[in-house]
Amino acid sequence: MAGPCTSHDRLTRPATMRYGRSQPTPETLAIEARVKAAGEVLKTFPKTGPFNLTPETVRHSAEYRMAKAAYDAAFTALRAHNAARLARD
């Protein structure tokens, strides 16, 4: 019968579970690029105050609302894509 497991044993034995990051698919890269591009557009709008927030007058502008909608759509697509990949794997 084997003796108790020591911390040295845990460090020298190979791990039984191996977690690795899979390579992103071209579709994943395309969606991530859309999210990044939409985020860069949102960063161009001015921010003010101690908390660096977008002013209400800017948030109500048509340009900001279109940029925010594009970012939200891209991010939602990325979340759905990631969820589908996790369910598949």
C-alpha atoms as a PDB file:
ATOM      1  CA  MET A   1       0.000   0.000   0.000  1.00  0.00           C
ATOM      2  CA  ALA A   2       1.369   3.372  -0.969  1.00  0.00           C
ATOM      3  CA  GLY A   3       2.059   6.006   1.635  1.00  0.00           C
ATOM      4  CA  PRO A   4       0.367   9.373   1.853  1.00  0.00           C
ATOM      5  CA  CYS A   5       0.804  11.799  -0.969  1.00  0.00           C
ATOM      6  CA  THR A   6       3.253  14.577  -0.222  1.00  0.00           C
ATOM      7  CA  SER A   7       3.562  18.014  -1.740  1.00  0.00           C
ATOM      8  CA  HIS A   8       6.740  16.822  -3.470  1.00  0.00           C
ATOM      9  CA  ASP A   9       4.746  14.079  -5.210  1.00  0.00           C
ATOM     10  CA  ARG A  10       2.236  16.605  -6.491  1.00  0.00           C
ATOM     11  CA  LEU A  11       5.019  18.705  -7.964  1.00  0.00           C
ATOM     12  CA  THR A  12       6.872  15.865  -9.672  1.00  0.00           C
ATOM     13  CA  ARG A  13       3.954  13.821 -11.007  1.00  0.00           C
ATOM     14  CA  PRO A  14       2.523  14.789 -14.392  1.00  0.00           C
ATOM     15  CA  ALA A  15      -0.885  16.378 -14.229  1.00  0.00           C
ATOM     16  CA  THR A  16      -3.772  14.133 -15.171  1.00  0.00           C
ATOM     17  CA  MET A  17      -5.818  16.957 -16.667  1.00  0.00           C
ATOM     18  CA  ARG A  18      -4.340  19.192 -19.305  1.00  0.00           C
ATOM     19  CA  TYR A  19      -6.078  22.401 -20.197  1.00  0.00           C
ATOM     20  CA  GLY A  20      -4.980  24.117 -23.335  1.00  0.00           C
ATOM     21  CA  ARG A  21      -6.201  27.006 -25.350  1.00  0.00           C
ATOM     22  CA  SER A  22      -7.485  26.011 -28.740  1.00  0.00           C
ATOM     23  CA  GLN A  23      -6.516  28.055 -31.740  1.00  0.00           C
ATOM     24  CA  PRO A  24      -9.093  30.692 -32.683  1.00  0.00           C
ATOM     25  CA  THR A  25     -11.049  30.014 -35.834  1.00  0.00           C
ATOM     26  CA  PRO A  26     -11.183  32.566 -38.652  1.00  0.00           C
ATOM     27  CA  GLU A  27     -14.784  33.260 -37.651  1.00  0.00           C
ATOM     28  CA  THR A  28     -13.696  34.008 -34.070  1.00  0.00           C
ATOM     29  CA  LEU A  29     -10.981  36.344 -35.295  1.00  0.00           C
ATOM     30  CA  ALA A  30     -13.439  38.176 -37.542  1.00  0.00           C
ATOM     31  CA  ILE A  31     -15.956  38.679 -34.730  1.00  0.00           C
ATOM     32  CA  GLU A  32     -13.230  39.830 -32.335  1.00  0.00           C
ATOM     33  CA  ALA A  33     -12.025  42.302 -34.963  1.00  0.00           C
ATOM     34  CA  ARG A  34     -15.563  43.698 -35.249  1.00  0.00           C
ATOM     35  CA  VAL A  35     -15.748  44.147 -31.470  1.00  0.00           C
ATOM     36  CA  LYS A  36     -12.363  45.854 -31.383  1.00  0.00           C
ATOM     37  CA  ALA A  37     -13.204  48.185 -34.281  1.00  0.00           C
ATOM     38  CA  ALA A  38     -16.540  49.156 -32.747  1.00  0.00           C
ATOM     39  CA  GLY A  39     -14.835  49.757 -29.399  1.00  0.00           C
ATOM     40  CA  GLU A  40     -12.271  52.033 -31.025  1.00  0.00           C
ATOM     41  CA  VAL A  41     -15.096  54.121 -32.489  1.00  0.00           C
ATOM     42  CA  LEU A  42     -16.677  54.469 -29.041  1.00  0.00           C
ATOM     43  CA  LYS A  43     -13.340  55.623 -27.597  1.00  0.00           C
ATOM     44  CA  THR A  44     -13.359  58.628 -29.928  1.00  0.00           C
ATOM     45  CA  PHE A  45     -16.275  60.231 -28.081  1.00  0.00           C
ATOM     46  CA  PRO A  46     -15.366  62.724 -25.344  1.00  0.00           C
ATOM     47  CA  LYS A  47     -15.364  61.731 -21.694  1.00  0.00           C
ATOM     48  CA  THR A  48     -15.555  64.177 -18.792  1.00  0.00           C
ATOM     49  CA  GLY A  49     -15.819  64.415 -15.043  1.00  0.00           C
ATOM     50  CA  PRO A  50     -14.059  62.647 -12.217  1.00  0.00           C
ATOM     51  CA  PHE A  51     -15.256  59.227 -13.367  1.00  0.00           C
ATOM     52  CA  ASN A  52     -14.387  59.782 -17.041  1.00  0.00           C
ATOM     53  CA  LEU A  53     -17.950  59.195 -18.242  1.00  0.00           C
ATOM     54  CA  THR A  54     -19.470  60.104 -21.589  1.00  0.00           C
ATOM     55  CA  PRO A  55     -21.619  63.244 -21.129  1.00  0.00           C
ATOM     56  CA  GLU A  56     -25.363  62.861 -21.465  1.00  0.00           C
ATOM     57  CA  THR A  57     -25.495  65.248 -24.425  1.00  0.00           C
ATOM     58  CA  VAL A  58     -23.084  62.988 -26.333  1.00  0.00           C
ATOM     59  CA  ARG A  59     -24.890  59.792 -25.312  1.00  0.00           C
ATOM     60  CA  HIS A  60     -28.137  61.159 -26.754  1.00  0.00           C
ATOM     61  CA  SER A  61     -26.584  62.049 -30.118  1.00  0.00           C
ATOM     62  CA  ALA A  62     -27.440  59.914 -33.136  1.00  0.00           C
ATOM     63  CA  GLU A  63     -23.765  59.248 -33.903  1.00  0.00           C
ATOM     64  CA  TYR A  64     -23.073  57.862 -30.432  1.00  0.00           C
ATOM     65  CA  ARG A  65     -26.226  55.748 -30.383  1.00  0.00           C
ATOM     66  CA  MET A  66     -25.308  54.194 -33.748  1.00  0.00           C
ATOM     67  CA  ALA A  67     -21.753  53.469 -32.582  1.00  0.00           C
ATOM     68  CA  LYS A  68     -23.015  52.005 -29.299  1.00  0.00           C
ATOM     69  CA  ALA A  69     -25.564  49.835 -31.127  1.00  0.00           C
ATOM     70  CA  ALA A  70     -22.819  48.540 -33.448  1.00  0.00           C
ATOM     71  CA  TYR A  71     -20.608  47.701 -30.468  1.00  0.00           C
ATOM     72  CA  ASP A  72     -23.455  46.000 -28.603  1.00  0.00           C
ATOM     73  CA  ALA A  73     -24.358  43.917 -31.682  1.00  0.00           C
ATOM     74  CA  ALA A  74     -20.740  42.854 -32.195  1.00  0.00           C
ATOM     75  CA  PHE A  75     -20.306  41.967 -28.526  1.00  0.00           C
ATOM     76  CA  THR A  76     -23.554  39.998 -28.495  1.00  0.00           C
ATOM     77  CA  ALA A  77     -22.384  38.072 -31.560  1.00  0.00           C
ATOM     78  CA  LEU A  78     -19.087  37.286 -29.819  1.00  0.00           C
ATOM     79  CA  ARG A  79     -20.885  36.052 -26.692  1.00  0.00           C
ATOM     80  CA  ALA A  80     -23.180  33.829 -28.765  1.00  0.00           C
ATOM     81  CA  HIS A  81     -20.241  32.485 -30.768  1.00  0.00           C
ATOM     82  CA  ASN A  82     -18.251  31.694 -27.600  1.00  0.00           C
ATOM     83  CA  ALA A  83     -21.268  29.998 -26.008  1.00  0.00           C
ATOM     84  CA  ALA A  84     -21.763  27.853 -29.108  1.00  0.00           C
ATOM     85  CA  ARG A  85     -18.088  26.853 -29.133  1.00  0.00           C
ATOM     86  CA  LEU A  86     -18.217  25.894 -25.461  1.00  0.00           C
ATOM     87  CA  ALA A  87     -21.352  23.836 -25.969  1.00  0.00           C
ATOM     88  CA  ARG A  88     -19.795  22.101 -28.976  1.00  0.00           C
ATOM     89  CA  ASP A  89     -16.479  21.311 -27.268  1.00  0.00           C
END
